[in-house]
Amino acid sequence: MKQETMIDYKKDKKRIDGRKMDESRPLKIEVGVIPNANGSAYLEWGQNKVYAAVYGPREALPKHSADPLKTVIKVEYRMTSFSVPQRKRPGPNRRDQEISKVLGEALTKAVFVEQFPNTEIGVYVEVIDSNAGSRVACLTAASCALADAGIPMRDLVSAIGVGKAFGELVVDLDKAEEDAPDAVDIPIGILPNSEEIVLLQLDGLLTDKEWEIVSKLGINACKKVYEVQKEALKRKFDLSEAMEKKDSKNVSKENISKENIDKKNVEKKEVKSVKKKVKK
């Protein structure tokens, strides 16, 4: 049996899936996909597939969790049992709780929370297919869902994973790169306009010089994600405006047709009355 040759990142200057070192996987976002939610988004990022839904602002429950000065953003992160090759045990685990916490803290930095005291905003994210980078995918989708819900925000949160694999600094690590012997995984999320970092975690070791390079790669990659987010929101609201215009045109056509019918009926009545007078 012929052995598969592993790509040499330094020699070939390309990755296992053919991407360049600073190239992310294909990203697709749609907003407004869950009718019963106040805001929602669906995201496909490589193999990752994520749904996000937002409810609120609403009454904070339990009541002791309310903050008289601001709204509380409660994030619930879940992975379906079939989202990974080895079936995941149903129900929340410590990893889910940790990711829920860091996502909530990142989103709180983006939202004008002081505008809604004594309330909560529920953000629910569900991973239905996963291949590395699920937390940054969920954060990106949740940010779009908040914007779709009309929640006042300082900026969207754009996130991506960066790090090191097979001796090279790379953007948007996939599962094979996350499992590399020298793997370093860094989820990073920013407010793109100010470049304020709202999520930063590090799993592994980097030199100061490597961190300087990889942080710039991460911020630049986040800004590319930001463009996809903006385009998704713009597309949704452009479509809404087009539908409203179409409905208004249909209404005006109906009104015109009704007016024409009424006019014709009046004219018929007038003709009949004239004929009657002539006969007399």
C-alpha atoms as a PDB file:
ATOM      1  CA  MET A   1       0.000   0.000   0.000  1.00  0.00           C
ATOM      2  CA  LYS A   2       1.372   3.404  -1.061  1.00  0.00           C
ATOM      3  CA  GLN A   3       1.877   5.846   1.808  1.00  0.00           C
ATOM      4  CA  GLU A   4       0.428   9.351   1.511  1.00  0.00           C
ATOM      5  CA  THR A   5       3.101  12.030   1.588  1.00  0.00           C
ATOM      6  CA  MET A   6       2.514  14.852   4.069  1.00  0.00           C
ATOM      7  CA  ILE A   7       2.794  18.340   2.609  1.00  0.00           C
ATOM      8  CA  ASP A   8       5.898  20.207   3.767  1.00  0.00           C
ATOM      9  CA  TYR A   9       4.521  23.648   4.707  1.00  0.00           C
ATOM     10  CA  LYS A  10       7.905  25.388   4.591  1.00  0.00           C
ATOM     11  CA  LYS A  11       8.944  23.859   1.272  1.00  0.00           C
ATOM     12  CA  ASP A  12       5.638  23.839  -0.638  1.00  0.00           C
ATOM     13  CA  LYS A  13       4.288  27.104   0.850  1.00  0.00           C
ATOM     14  CA  LYS A  14       0.792  25.661   0.817  1.00  0.00           C
ATOM     15  CA  ARG A  15      -1.381  23.796   3.297  1.00  0.00           C
ATOM     16  CA  ILE A  16      -2.997  20.356   3.357  1.00  0.00           C
ATOM     17  CA  ASP A  17      -6.194  21.668   1.719  1.00  0.00           C
ATOM     18  CA  GLY A  18      -4.265  23.819  -0.775  1.00  0.00           C
ATOM     19  CA  ARG A  19      -4.765  27.167   0.980  1.00  0.00           C
ATOM     20  CA  LYS A  20      -2.095  29.822   1.397  1.00  0.00           C
ATOM     21  CA  MET A  21      -0.818  30.475   4.930  1.00  0.00           C
ATOM     22  CA  ASP A  22      -2.902  33.662   5.306  1.00  0.00           C
ATOM     23  CA  GLU A  23      -5.997  32.307   3.525  1.00  0.00           C
ATOM     24  CA  SER A  24      -9.163  31.336   5.396  1.00  0.00           C
ATOM     25  CA  ARG A  25     -11.728  28.718   4.447  1.00  0.00           C
ATOM     26  CA  PRO A  26     -14.788  29.770   2.386  1.00  0.00           C
ATOM     27  CA  LEU A  27     -17.241  31.780   4.526  1.00  0.00           C
ATOM     28  CA  LYS A  28     -20.976  32.178   3.901  1.00  0.00           C
ATOM     29  CA  ILE A  29     -23.466  34.006   6.162  1.00  0.00           C
ATOM     30  CA  GLU A  30     -27.247  34.452   5.926  1.00  0.00           C
ATOM     31  CA  VAL A  31     -29.321  36.475   8.393  1.00  0.00           C
ATOM     32  CA  GLY A  32     -33.016  36.339   9.276  1.00  0.00           C
ATOM     33  CA  VAL A  33     -33.261  32.555   8.867  1.00  0.00           C
ATOM     34  CA  ILE A  34     -35.339  31.787  12.015  1.00  0.00           C
ATOM     35  CA  PRO A  35     -38.755  33.530  11.832  1.00  0.00           C
ATOM     36  CA  ASN A  36     -39.643  33.047  15.527  1.00  0.00           C
ATOM     37  CA  ALA A  37     -36.443  34.726  16.794  1.00  0.00           C
ATOM     38  CA  ASN A  38     -35.929  38.488  17.124  1.00  0.00           C
ATOM     39  CA  GLY A  39     -32.712  38.049  15.144  1.00  0.00           C
ATOM     40  CA  SER A  40     -30.918  35.072  13.634  1.00  0.00           C
ATOM     41  CA  ALA A  41     -28.061  33.951  11.403  1.00  0.00           C
ATOM     42  CA  TYR A  42     -26.783  30.837   9.656  1.00  0.00           C
ATOM     43  CA  LEU A  43     -23.059  30.470   8.968  1.00  0.00           C
ATOM     44  CA  GLU A  44     -21.008  28.037   6.907  1.00  0.00           C
ATOM     45  CA  TRP A  45     -17.252  28.302   7.380  1.00  0.00           C
ATOM     46  CA  GLY A  46     -15.421  25.481   5.669  1.00  0.00           C
ATOM     47  CA  GLN A  47     -17.063  22.398   7.158  1.00  0.00           C
ATOM     48  CA  ASN A  48     -18.410  24.335  10.171  1.00  0.00           C
ATOM     49  CA  LYS A  49     -22.165  24.934  10.112  1.00  0.00           C
ATOM     50  CA  VAL A  50     -23.702  27.124  12.816  1.00  0.00           C
ATOM     51  CA  TYR A  51     -27.112  28.602  13.698  1.00  0.00           C
ATOM     52  CA  ALA A  52     -27.486  31.618  15.998  1.00  0.00           C
ATOM     53  CA  ALA A  53     -30.723  33.056  17.413  1.00  0.00           C
ATOM     54  CA  VAL A  54     -31.342  36.148  19.579  1.00  0.00           C
ATOM     55  CA  TYR A  55     -34.316  36.797  21.888  1.00  0.00           C
ATOM     56  CA  GLY A  56     -34.818  40.041  23.751  1.00  0.00           C
ATOM     57  CA  PRO A  57     -34.260  42.394  25.406  1.00  0.00           C
ATOM     58  CA  ARG A  58     -36.735  40.705  27.742  1.00  0.00           C
ATOM     59  CA  GLU A  59     -37.414  40.285  31.455  1.00  0.00           C
ATOM     60  CA  ALA A  60     -34.379  38.819  33.231  1.00  0.00           C
ATOM     61  CA  LEU A  61     -35.081  35.426  34.775  1.00  0.00           C
ATOM     62  CA  PRO A  62     -34.358  34.456  37.464  1.00  0.00           C
ATOM     63  CA  LYS A  63     -34.994  37.969  38.749  1.00  0.00           C
ATOM     64  CA  HIS A  64     -31.874  38.055  40.940  1.00  0.00           C
ATOM     65  CA  SER A  65     -29.770  37.853  37.738  1.00  0.00           C
ATOM     66  CA  ALA A  66     -31.030  41.292  36.620  1.00  0.00           C
ATOM     67  CA  ASP A  67     -28.658  44.257  36.656  1.00  0.00           C
ATOM     68  CA  PRO A  68     -30.264  47.673  37.390  1.00  0.00           C
ATOM     69  CA  LEU A  69     -27.598  49.412  35.284  1.00  0.00           C
ATOM     70  CA  LYS A  70     -27.540  47.283  32.123  1.00  0.00           C
ATOM     71  CA  THR A  71     -28.868  44.308  30.208  1.00  0.00           C
ATOM     72  CA  VAL A  72     -27.240  40.915  30.766  1.00  0.00           C
ATOM     73  CA  ILE A  73     -26.225  38.971  27.664  1.00  0.00           C
ATOM     74  CA  LYS A  74     -26.695  35.252  28.278  1.00  0.00           C
ATOM     75  CA  VAL A  75     -25.088  33.000  25.677  1.00  0.00           C
ATOM     76  CA  GLU A  76     -25.849  29.297  25.366  1.00  0.00           C
ATOM     77  CA  TYR A  77     -23.353  27.396  23.193  1.00  0.00           C
ATOM     78  CA  ARG A  78     -24.192  23.836  22.143  1.00  0.00           C
ATOM     79  CA  MET A  79     -22.768  21.226  19.813  1.00  0.00           C
ATOM     80  CA  THR A  80     -25.136  18.584  18.436  1.00  0.00           C
ATOM     81  CA  SER A  81     -24.234  14.942  19.057  1.00  0.00           C
ATOM     82  CA  PHE A  82     -23.630  14.393  15.332  1.00  0.00           C
ATOM     83  CA  SER A  83     -21.493  17.513  14.779  1.00  0.00           C
ATOM     84  CA  VAL A  84     -18.187  15.640  15.214  1.00  0.00           C
ATOM     85  CA  PRO A  85     -16.964  12.250  13.890  1.00  0.00           C
ATOM     86  CA  GLN A  86     -17.065  10.649  17.345  1.00  0.00           C
ATOM     87  CA  ARG A  87     -20.578  11.115  18.716  1.00  0.00           C
ATOM     88  CA  LYS A  88     -20.652  13.850  21.354  1.00  0.00           C
ATOM     89  CA  ARG A  89     -22.437  13.144  24.610  1.00  0.00           C
ATOM     90  CA  PRO A  90     -25.730  15.128  24.724  1.00  0.00           C
ATOM     91  CA  GLY A  91     -26.106  17.998  27.152  1.00  0.00           C
ATOM     92  CA  PRO A  92     -23.769  20.785  28.273  1.00  0.00           C
ATOM     93  CA  ASN A  93     -20.233  20.037  29.443  1.00  0.00           C
ATOM     94  CA  ARG A  94     -17.441  22.173  30.916  1.00  0.00           C
ATOM     95  CA  ARG A  95     -16.170  23.174  27.459  1.00  0.00           C
ATOM     96  CA  ASP A  96     -19.654  24.365  26.432  1.00  0.00           C
ATOM     97  CA  GLN A  97     -19.934  26.416  29.633  1.00  0.00           C
ATOM     98  CA  GLU A  98     -16.488  27.976  29.109  1.00  0.00           C
ATOM     99  CA  ILE A  99     -17.249  28.925  25.490  1.00  0.00           C
ATOM    100  CA  SER A 100     -20.681  30.304  26.474  1.00  0.00           C
ATOM    101  CA  LYS A 101     -18.955  32.530  29.043  1.00  0.00           C
ATOM    102  CA  VAL A 102     -16.255  33.943  26.731  1.00  0.00           C
ATOM    103  CA  LEU A 103     -18.758  34.546  23.914  1.00  0.00           C
ATOM    104  CA  GLY A 104     -21.047  36.441  26.281  1.00  0.00           C
ATOM    105  CA  GLU A 105     -18.171  38.622  27.495  1.00  0.00           C
ATOM    106  CA  ALA A 106     -17.099  39.383  23.901  1.00  0.00           C
ATOM    107  CA  LEU A 107     -20.610  40.337  22.777  1.00  0.00           C
ATOM    108  CA  THR A 108     -21.133  42.523  25.871  1.00  0.00           C
ATOM    109  CA  LYS A 109     -18.235  44.718  24.668  1.00  0.00           C
ATOM    110  CA  ALA A 110     -20.070  45.348  21.376  1.00  0.00           C
ATOM    111  CA  VAL A 111     -23.604  46.046  22.655  1.00  0.00           C
ATOM    112  CA  PHE A 112     -24.838  49.290  24.284  1.00  0.00           C
ATOM    113  CA  VAL A 113     -25.922  47.275  27.330  1.00  0.00           C
ATOM    114  CA  GLU A 114     -26.667  50.365  29.445  1.00  0.00           C
ATOM    115  CA  GLN A 115     -29.684  51.170  27.254  1.00  0.00           C
ATOM    116  CA  PHE A 116     -31.695  48.200  28.596  1.00  0.00           C
ATOM    117  CA  PRO A 117     -31.360  47.967  32.414  1.00  0.00           C
ATOM    118  CA  ASN A 118     -33.005  45.108  34.333  1.00  0.00           C
ATOM    119  CA  THR A 119     -33.317  42.948  31.211  1.00  0.00           C
ATOM    120  CA  GLU A 120     -31.542  40.083  29.508  1.00  0.00           C
ATOM    121  CA  ILE A 121     -30.698  39.242  25.897  1.00  0.00           C
ATOM    122  CA  GLY A 122     -30.672  35.521  25.170  1.00  0.00           C
ATOM    123  CA  VAL A 123     -28.209  34.379  22.498  1.00  0.00           C
ATOM    124  CA  TYR A 124     -28.376  30.722  21.459  1.00  0.00           C
ATOM    125  CA  VAL A 125     -25.776  29.182  19.155  1.00  0.00           C
ATOM    126  CA  GLU A 126     -25.919  25.618  17.845  1.00  0.00           C
ATOM    127  CA  VAL A 127     -23.102  23.847  15.990  1.00  0.00           C
ATOM    128  CA  ILE A 128     -24.493  21.196  13.650  1.00  0.00           C
ATOM    129  CA  ASP A 129     -21.185  20.382  11.925  1.00  0.00           C
ATOM    130  CA  SER A 130     -17.723  21.104  13.297  1.00  0.00           C
ATOM    131  CA  ASN A 131     -14.167  21.074  11.971  1.00  0.00           C
ATOM    132  CA  ALA A 132     -12.067  23.382  14.182  1.00  0.00           C
ATOM    133  CA  GLY A 133     -12.850  27.025  14.933  1.00  0.00           C
ATOM    134  CA  SER A 134     -16.415  26.505  16.146  1.00  0.00           C
ATOM    135  CA  ARG A 135     -16.193  29.196  18.854  1.00  0.00           C
ATOM    136  CA  VAL A 136     -15.088  31.934  16.426  1.00  0.00           C
ATOM    137  CA  ALA A 137     -17.747  30.777  13.948  1.00  0.00           C
ATOM    138  CA  CYS A 138     -20.412  31.021  16.676  1.00  0.00           C
ATOM    139  CA  LEU A 139     -19.195  34.457  17.801  1.00  0.00           C
ATOM    140  CA  THR A 140     -19.293  35.755  14.221  1.00  0.00           C
ATOM    141  CA  ALA A 141     -22.799  34.337  13.647  1.00  0.00           C
ATOM    142  CA  ALA A 142     -24.102  35.608  17.023  1.00  0.00           C
ATOM    143  CA  SER A 143     -22.886  39.124  16.232  1.00  0.00           C
ATOM    144  CA  CYS A 144     -24.844  39.099  12.949  1.00  0.00           C
ATOM    145  CA  ALA A 145     -27.931  37.782  14.751  1.00  0.00           C
ATOM    146  CA  LEU A 146     -27.745  40.658  17.284  1.00  0.00           C
ATOM    147  CA  ALA A 147     -27.535  43.172  14.436  1.00  0.00           C
ATOM    148  CA  ASP A 148     -30.460  41.440  12.712  1.00  0.00           C
ATOM    149  CA  ALA A 149     -32.487  41.817  15.931  1.00  0.00           C
ATOM    150  CA  GLY A 150     -31.915  45.590  15.856  1.00  0.00           C
ATOM    151  CA  ILE A 151     -29.903  45.615  19.092  1.00  0.00           C
ATOM    152  CA  PRO A 152     -27.875  48.895  19.311  1.00  0.00           C
ATOM    153  CA  MET A 153     -24.188  47.989  18.878  1.00  0.00           C
ATOM    154  CA  ARG A 154     -20.875  49.851  18.837  1.00  0.00           C
ATOM    155  CA  ASP A 155     -19.690  47.510  16.095  1.00  0.00           C
ATOM    156  CA  LEU A 156     -20.019  43.929  14.916  1.00  0.00           C
ATOM    157  CA  VAL A 157     -17.708  41.356  16.468  1.00  0.00           C
ATOM    158  CA  SER A 158     -15.549  39.632  13.853  1.00  0.00           C
ATOM    159  CA  ALA A 159     -13.543  36.576  14.869  1.00  0.00           C
ATOM    160  CA  ILE A 160     -11.153  33.996  13.439  1.00  0.00           C
ATOM    161  CA  GLY A 161      -8.633  31.420  14.581  1.00  0.00           C
ATOM    162  CA  VAL A 162      -4.913  31.969  13.955  1.00  0.00           C
ATOM    163  CA  GLY A 163      -1.829  30.144  15.154  1.00  0.00           C
ATOM    164  CA  LYS A 164       0.955  27.780  14.221  1.00  0.00           C
ATOM    165  CA  ALA A 165       1.013  24.385  12.495  1.00  0.00           C
ATOM    166  CA  PHE A 166       3.809  22.323  10.952  1.00  0.00           C
ATOM    167  CA  GLY A 167       6.317  25.112  11.574  1.00  0.00           C
ATOM    168  CA  GLU A 168       4.317  27.894   9.866  1.00  0.00           C
ATOM    169  CA  LEU A 169       2.099  30.718  11.145  1.00  0.00           C
ATOM    170  CA  VAL A 170      -1.352  30.220   9.633  1.00  0.00           C
ATOM    171  CA  VAL A 171      -4.836  31.736   9.539  1.00  0.00           C
ATOM    172  CA  ASP A 172      -8.036  29.751  10.199  1.00  0.00           C
ATOM    173  CA  LEU A 173      -6.681  26.389  11.358  1.00  0.00           C
ATOM    174  CA  ASP A 174      -8.586  23.265  10.338  1.00  0.00           C
ATOM    175  CA  LYS A 175      -8.794  20.049  12.388  1.00  0.00           C
ATOM    176  CA  ALA A 176      -5.610  18.524  10.920  1.00  0.00           C
ATOM    177  CA  GLU A 177      -3.663  21.691  11.781  1.00  0.00           C
ATOM    178  CA  GLU A 178      -5.145  21.858  15.282  1.00  0.00           C
ATOM    179  CA  ASP A 179      -3.841  18.310  15.828  1.00  0.00           C
ATOM    180  CA  ALA A 180      -0.325  19.061  14.495  1.00  0.00           C
ATOM    181  CA  PRO A 181       2.566  18.194  16.880  1.00  0.00           C
ATOM    182  CA  ASP A 182       3.571  21.868  17.193  1.00  0.00           C
ATOM    183  CA  ALA A 183       0.042  23.270  17.005  1.00  0.00           C
ATOM    184  CA  VAL A 184      -0.744  26.635  18.587  1.00  0.00           C
ATOM    185  CA  ASP A 185      -4.389  27.722  18.412  1.00  0.00           C
ATOM    186  CA  ILE A 186      -5.393  31.366  19.048  1.00  0.00           C
ATOM    187  CA  PRO A 187      -9.076  32.330  18.734  1.00  0.00           C
ATOM    188  CA  ILE A 188      -9.229  36.114  18.299  1.00  0.00           C
ATOM    189  CA  GLY A 189     -12.241  38.441  18.060  1.00  0.00           C
ATOM    190  CA  ILE A 190     -12.208  42.206  17.496  1.00  0.00           C
ATOM    191  CA  LEU A 191     -14.402  45.259  16.984  1.00  0.00           C
ATOM    192  CA  PRO A 192     -13.061  45.953  13.472  1.00  0.00           C
ATOM    193  CA  ASN A 193     -13.392  49.750  13.347  1.00  0.00           C
ATOM    194  CA  SER A 194     -11.468  50.349  16.565  1.00  0.00           C
ATOM    195  CA  GLU A 195      -9.445  47.080  16.429  1.00  0.00           C
ATOM    196  CA  GLU A 196     -10.309  46.517  20.101  1.00  0.00           C
ATOM    197  CA  ILE A 197      -9.713  42.870  20.992  1.00  0.00           C
ATOM    198  CA  VAL A 198     -12.745  41.346  22.747  1.00  0.00           C
ATOM    199  CA  LEU A 199     -11.742  37.673  22.571  1.00  0.00           C
ATOM    200  CA  LEU A 200      -8.222  36.295  22.858  1.00  0.00           C
ATOM    201  CA  GLN A 201      -7.266  32.807  23.977  1.00  0.00           C
ATOM    202  CA  LEU A 202      -3.985  30.949  23.524  1.00  0.00           C
ATOM    203  CA  ASP A 203      -3.428  27.207  23.491  1.00  0.00           C
ATOM    204  CA  GLY A 204       0.310  26.618  23.048  1.00  0.00           C
ATOM    205  CA  LEU A 205       3.554  28.611  23.036  1.00  0.00           C
ATOM    206  CA  LEU A 206       4.826  31.348  20.698  1.00  0.00           C
ATOM    207  CA  THR A 207       7.882  33.601  20.693  1.00  0.00           C
ATOM    208  CA  ASP A 208       7.425  37.377  20.948  1.00  0.00           C
ATOM    209  CA  LYS A 209       8.283  37.735  17.245  1.00  0.00           C
ATOM    210  CA  GLU A 210       5.798  35.016  16.230  1.00  0.00           C
ATOM    211  CA  TRP A 211       3.066  36.694  18.304  1.00  0.00           C
ATOM    212  CA  GLU A 212       3.763  40.048  16.660  1.00  0.00           C
ATOM    213  CA  ILE A 213       3.325  38.483  13.201  1.00  0.00           C
ATOM    214  CA  VAL A 214       0.333  36.276  14.038  1.00  0.00           C
ATOM    215  CA  SER A 215      -1.587  39.075  15.811  1.00  0.00           C
ATOM    216  CA  LYS A 216      -1.377  41.228  12.670  1.00  0.00           C
ATOM    217  CA  LEU A 217      -2.492  38.246  10.572  1.00  0.00           C
ATOM    218  CA  GLY A 218      -5.455  37.780  12.918  1.00  0.00           C
ATOM    219  CA  ILE A 219      -6.607  41.415  12.815  1.00  0.00           C
ATOM    220  CA  ASN A 220      -6.341  41.561   9.017  1.00  0.00           C
ATOM    221  CA  ALA A 221      -8.258  38.277   8.695  1.00  0.00           C
ATOM    222  CA  CYS A 222     -10.973  39.523  11.087  1.00  0.00           C
ATOM    223  CA  LYS A 223     -11.488  42.574   8.867  1.00  0.00           C
ATOM    224  CA  LYS A 224     -12.092  40.268   5.892  1.00  0.00           C
ATOM    225  CA  VAL A 225     -14.693  38.405   7.965  1.00  0.00           C
ATOM    226  CA  TYR A 226     -16.242  41.809   8.787  1.00  0.00           C
ATOM    227  CA  GLU A 227     -16.807  42.488   5.078  1.00  0.00           C
ATOM    228  CA  VAL A 228     -18.710  39.194   4.715  1.00  0.00           C
ATOM    229  CA  GLN A 229     -20.825  40.051   7.785  1.00  0.00           C
ATOM    230  CA  LYS A 230     -21.712  43.495   6.437  1.00  0.00           C
ATOM    231  CA  GLU A 231     -22.585  42.070   3.027  1.00  0.00           C
ATOM    232  CA  ALA A 232     -24.909  39.480   4.620  1.00  0.00           C
ATOM    233  CA  LEU A 233     -26.781  42.158   6.602  1.00  0.00           C
ATOM    234  CA  LYS A 234     -26.926  44.517   3.628  1.00  0.00           C
ATOM    235  CA  ARG A 235     -28.291  41.743   1.404  1.00  0.00           C
ATOM    236  CA  LYS A 236     -31.051  40.956   3.902  1.00  0.00           C
ATOM    237  CA  PHE A 237     -32.209  44.538   4.303  1.00  0.00           C
ATOM    238  CA  ASP A 238     -31.926  45.299   0.576  1.00  0.00           C
ATOM    239  CA  LEU A 239     -34.216  42.328  -0.004  1.00  0.00           C
ATOM    240  CA  SER A 240     -36.651  43.582   2.653  1.00  0.00           C
ATOM    241  CA  GLU A 241     -36.805  47.017   1.008  1.00  0.00           C
ATOM    242  CA  ALA A 242     -37.363  45.417  -2.405  1.00  0.00           C
ATOM    243  CA  MET A 243     -40.226  43.321  -0.993  1.00  0.00           C
ATOM    244  CA  GLU A 244     -41.801  46.395   0.626  1.00  0.00           C
ATOM    245  CA  LYS A 245     -41.621  48.305  -2.668  1.00  0.00           C
ATOM    246  CA  LYS A 246     -43.155  45.360  -4.497  1.00  0.00           C
ATOM    247  CA  ASP A 247     -45.990  45.156  -1.948  1.00  0.00           C
ATOM    248  CA  SER A 248     -46.631  48.911  -2.184  1.00  0.00           C
ATOM    249  CA  LYS A 249     -46.753  48.666  -5.986  1.00  0.00           C
ATOM    250  CA  ASN A 250     -49.211  45.776  -5.761  1.00  0.00           C
ATOM    251  CA  VAL A 251     -51.366  47.750  -3.325  1.00  0.00           C
ATOM    252  CA  SER A 252     -51.310  50.814  -5.592  1.00  0.00           C
ATOM    253  CA  LYS A 253     -52.219  48.629  -8.599  1.00  0.00           C
ATOM    254  CA  GLU A 254     -55.115  47.153  -6.626  1.00  0.00           C
ATOM    255  CA  ASN A 255     -56.279  50.635  -5.639  1.00  0.00           C
ATOM    256  CA  ILE A 256     -56.051  51.839  -9.245  1.00  0.00           C
ATOM    257  CA  SER A 257     -57.981  48.813 -10.515  1.00  0.00           C
ATOM    258  CA  LYS A 258     -60.653  49.360  -7.833  1.00  0.00           C
ATOM    259  CA  GLU A 259     -60.893  53.042  -8.773  1.00  0.00           C
ATOM    260  CA  ASN A 260     -61.259  52.098 -12.446  1.00  0.00           C
ATOM    261  CA  ILE A 261     -63.993  49.569 -11.625  1.00  0.00           C
ATOM    262  CA  ASP A 262     -65.832  52.125  -9.473  1.00  0.00           C
ATOM    263  CA  LYS A 263     -65.482  54.727 -12.224  1.00  0.00           C
ATOM    264  CA  LYS A 264     -66.850  52.315 -14.828  1.00  0.00           C
ATOM    265  CA  ASN A 265     -69.784  51.444 -12.558  1.00  0.00           C
ATOM    266  CA  VAL A 266     -70.588  55.154 -12.093  1.00  0.00           C
ATOM    267  CA  GLU A 267     -70.384  55.718 -15.862  1.00  0.00           C
ATOM    268  CA  LYS A 268     -72.728  52.755 -16.511  1.00  0.00           C
ATOM    269  CA  LYS A 269     -75.250  54.130 -14.024  1.00  0.00           C
ATOM    270  CA  GLU A 270     -75.093  57.557 -15.647  1.00  0.00           C
ATOM    271  CA  VAL A 271     -75.626  56.055 -19.129  1.00  0.00           C
ATOM    272  CA  LYS A 272     -78.625  54.061 -17.860  1.00  0.00           C
ATOM    273  CA  SER A 273     -80.195  57.124 -16.283  1.00  0.00           C
ATOM    274  CA  VAL A 274     -79.720  59.125 -19.534  1.00  0.00           C
ATOM    275  CA  LYS A 275     -81.346  56.305 -21.571  1.00  0.00           C
ATOM    276  CA  LYS A 276     -84.325  56.264 -19.239  1.00  0.00           C
ATOM    277  CA  LYS A 277     -84.804  60.023 -19.618  1.00  0.00           C
ATOM    278  CA  VAL A 278     -84.608  59.760 -23.416  1.00  0.00           C
ATOM    279  CA  LYS A 279     -87.266  57.010 -23.482  1.00  0.00           C
ATOM    280  CA  LYS A 280     -89.596  59.161 -21.409  1.00  0.00           C
END
